[in-house]
N, C-alpha and C. Protein backbone atom coordinates (compact mmCIF):
# COMPACT_ATOMS: atom_id res chain seq x y z
N MET A 1 1.07 -1.40 0.04
CA MET A 1 -0.06 0.24 -0.11
C MET A 1 0.53 1.12 -0.02
N GLN A 2 0.34 2.12 -0.74
CA GLN A 2 1.18 3.55 -0.83
C GLN A 2 0.44 4.74 -0.38
N GLU A 3 0.87 5.59 0.55
CA GLU A 3 -0.24 6.37 1.30
C GLU A 3 0.67 7.75 0.18
N SER A 4 -0.17 8.78 0.51
CA SER A 4 0.19 9.72 -0.28
C SER A 4 -1.16 10.91 -0.13
N GLN A 5 -0.54 11.58 1.14
CA GLN A 5 -1.26 12.91 1.86
C GLN A 5 -2.38 11.60 2.59
N ASN A 6 -3.90 12.17 2.40
CA ASN A 6 -4.83 11.32 2.65
C ASN A 6 -5.47 10.69 1.76
N ASN A 7 -4.56 9.97 0.97
CA ASN A 7 -5.29 9.57 -0.45
C ASN A 7 -4.81 7.97 -0.06
N VAL A 8 -5.06 6.87 0.02
CA VAL A 8 -4.63 5.22 0.37
C VAL A 8 -4.56 4.95 -1.49
N THR A 9 -3.82 4.00 -1.80
CA THR A 9 -4.12 3.24 -2.84
C THR A 9 -3.21 2.36 -2.29
N GLU A 10 -3.67 1.50 -3.05
CA GLU A 10 -3.46 -0.14 -3.26
C GLU A 10 -3.14 -0.70 -4.34
N VAL A 11 -1.92 -1.36 -4.60
CA VAL A 11 -1.50 -2.03 -5.80
C VAL A 11 -1.37 -3.45 -5.63
N VAL A 12 -2.07 -3.58 -6.23
CA VAL A 12 -1.81 -5.60 -6.45
C VAL A 12 -1.27 -6.26 -7.55
N THR A 13 -0.46 -7.07 -7.06
CA THR A 13 0.66 -7.41 -7.71
C THR A 13 0.61 -9.24 -7.45
N THR A 14 1.17 -10.02 -8.31
CA THR A 14 1.08 -11.29 -7.94
C THR A 14 2.40 -11.68 -7.21
N ALA A 15 2.50 -12.75 -6.99
CA ALA A 15 3.47 -13.14 -6.01
C ALA A 15 4.84 -13.35 -6.78
N SER A 16 4.92 -12.97 -7.99
CA SER A 16 5.84 -12.80 -8.72
C SER A 16 6.48 -10.89 -8.93
N GLY A 17 5.46 -10.01 -8.39
CA GLY A 17 5.98 -8.88 -8.61
C GLY A 17 5.58 -8.56 -9.51
N LEU A 18 4.80 -8.79 -10.29
CA LEU A 18 3.92 -8.58 -11.74
C LEU A 18 2.96 -8.22 -11.78
N THR A 19 2.10 -7.00 -12.18
CA THR A 19 1.05 -6.69 -12.39
C THR A 19 -0.33 -7.66 -13.18
N PRO A 20 -0.96 -7.82 -12.47
CA PRO A 20 -2.01 -8.98 -13.03
C PRO A 20 -1.07 -8.46 -15.14
N LYS A 21 -1.88 -7.59 -15.14
CA LYS A 21 -1.49 -7.61 -16.79
C LYS A 21 -0.44 -7.80 -17.16
N GLU A 22 0.99 -7.35 -16.87
CA GLU A 22 2.34 -8.07 -16.94
C GLU A 22 1.99 -9.37 -16.60
N GLU A 23 1.45 -9.93 -15.67
CA GLU A 23 1.51 -11.43 -15.90
C GLU A 23 1.11 -12.20 -17.12
N LYS A 24 -0.27 -11.58 -17.39
CA LYS A 24 -1.26 -12.02 -18.39
C LYS A 24 -0.13 -11.72 -19.94
N GLU A 25 0.26 -11.10 -20.18
CA GLU A 25 2.03 -10.66 -21.03
C GLU A 25 2.55 -11.59 -20.92
N ALA A 26 3.35 -11.71 -19.89
CA ALA A 26 4.33 -13.25 -19.91
C ALA A 26 4.21 -14.38 -20.39
N TYR A 27 2.57 -14.41 -20.01
CA TYR A 27 2.34 -15.74 -20.12
C TYR A 27 1.96 -16.06 -21.60
N LYS A 28 1.64 -14.81 -22.05
CA LYS A 28 1.02 -15.17 -23.66
C LYS A 28 2.92 -15.03 -24.36
N ALA A 29 3.77 -14.72 -24.39
CA ALA A 29 5.11 -14.66 -24.22
C ALA A 29 5.71 -15.76 -24.33
N LEU A 30 5.55 -16.44 -23.22
CA LEU A 30 5.90 -18.20 -22.72
C LEU A 30 4.88 -18.83 -23.85
N GLU A 31 3.89 -18.91 -24.04
CA GLU A 31 3.05 -19.74 -24.90
C GLU A 31 3.64 -19.70 -26.59
N ARG A 32 3.55 -17.86 -26.97
CA ARG A 32 4.62 -18.03 -28.33
C ARG A 32 5.58 -18.72 -28.43
N ALA A 33 6.51 -18.74 -27.51
CA ALA A 33 7.81 -18.88 -27.24
C ALA A 33 7.46 -20.83 -27.20
N ARG A 34 6.63 -21.34 -26.32
CA ARG A 34 6.08 -22.81 -26.82
C ARG A 34 6.10 -23.02 -27.91
N LYS A 35 5.02 -22.79 -28.53
CA LYS A 35 4.61 -23.05 -30.08
C LYS A 35 5.54 -23.10 -31.04
N ARG A 36 6.49 -21.75 -30.80
CA ARG A 36 7.68 -21.80 -31.94
C ARG A 36 8.78 -23.32 -31.21
N ILE A 37 8.91 -23.34 -30.09
CA ILE A 37 9.73 -24.37 -29.74
C ILE A 37 9.46 -25.94 -30.50
N GLU A 38 8.24 -25.74 -30.36
CA GLU A 38 7.13 -27.07 -30.77
C GLU A 38 7.61 -27.20 -32.12
N LYS A 39 7.20 -25.94 -33.04
CA LYS A 39 7.18 -25.68 -34.67
C LYS A 39 8.85 -26.33 -34.75
N GLU A 40 9.84 -25.66 -34.35
CA GLU A 40 11.51 -25.93 -34.69
C GLU A 40 11.77 -27.36 -34.01
N ASP A 41 11.36 -28.11 -33.00
CA ASP A 41 10.91 -29.36 -32.57
C ASP A 41 10.47 -30.35 -34.04
N LYS A 42 9.20 -30.38 -34.10
CA LYS A 42 8.85 -30.08 -35.40
C LYS A 42 9.48 -30.93 -37.04
N GLU A 43 10.22 -29.38 -37.38
CA GLU A 43 11.20 -29.42 -38.77
C GLU A 43 11.92 -29.91 -38.57
N ARG A 44 12.48 -30.30 -37.34
CA ARG A 44 13.91 -30.93 -37.22
C ARG A 44 13.62 -32.66 -37.50
N ALA A 45 12.47 -32.92 -36.99
CA ALA A 45 12.03 -34.49 -36.69
C ALA A 45 11.80 -34.59 -38.13
N GLU A 46 10.83 -33.78 -38.92
CA GLU A 46 10.81 -34.23 -40.47
C GLU A 46 12.15 -34.26 -41.30
N ALA A 47 13.17 -33.26 -40.86
CA ALA A 47 14.52 -33.22 -41.41
C ALA A 47 15.42 -34.12 -41.44
N LEU A 48 15.53 -34.99 -40.26
CA LEU A 48 15.85 -36.15 -39.72
C LEU A 48 15.45 -37.33 -40.34
N LYS A 49 14.14 -37.02 -40.36
CA LYS A 49 13.28 -38.52 -41.41
C LYS A 49 13.71 -38.23 -42.41
N LEU A 50 13.85 -37.24 -43.40
CA LEU A 50 14.47 -37.49 -44.61
C LEU A 50 15.37 -37.52 -44.83
N ALA A 51 16.48 -36.82 -43.86
CA ALA A 51 17.80 -37.28 -44.31
C ALA A 51 17.65 -39.25 -44.00
N GLU A 52 17.10 -39.85 -42.93
CA GLU A 52 17.60 -40.88 -42.71
C GLU A 52 17.04 -41.94 -43.91
N GLU A 53 15.79 -41.17 -44.81
CA GLU A 53 15.44 -42.12 -45.70
C GLU A 53 16.65 -41.60 -46.89
N GLN A 54 16.97 -40.65 -46.96
CA GLN A 54 17.98 -40.52 -47.91
C GLN A 54 19.01 -41.30 -48.18
N ALA A 55 19.81 -41.95 -46.89
CA ALA A 55 20.53 -42.37 -46.21
C ALA A 55 20.94 -44.00 -47.02
N ARG A 56 19.03 -44.36 -46.40
CA ARG A 56 18.84 -45.47 -46.79
C ARG A 56 18.40 -45.79 -48.38
N ALA A 57 18.11 -45.35 -49.02
CA ALA A 57 17.99 -44.98 -50.62
C ALA A 57 19.31 -45.06 -51.10
N GLN A 58 20.73 -44.62 -50.41
CA GLN A 58 21.80 -44.19 -51.35
C GLN A 58 22.18 -45.90 -50.77
N ILE A 59 22.34 -46.40 -49.45
CA ILE A 59 22.93 -47.59 -48.84
C ILE A 59 22.07 -48.46 -49.85
N ALA A 60 20.97 -48.49 -50.23
CA ALA A 60 20.55 -49.46 -51.81
C ALA A 60 20.71 -49.42 -52.85
N GLN A 61 21.11 -48.58 -53.17
CA GLN A 61 21.78 -48.67 -54.86
C GLN A 61 22.93 -49.38 -54.78
């Protein structure tokens, strides 16, 4: 709580020290990062699978 002359203003924060709005934005940023990482992981898995298929094809020739 902050006191200013006779006015009392209560500041609401979460346990993390962020305001509810800041916390919401942080969770949105984390969700975007999670989706990006999942996409990159999927792309890496597809590239690895393609490389393995190409290696098998070369061995078979």
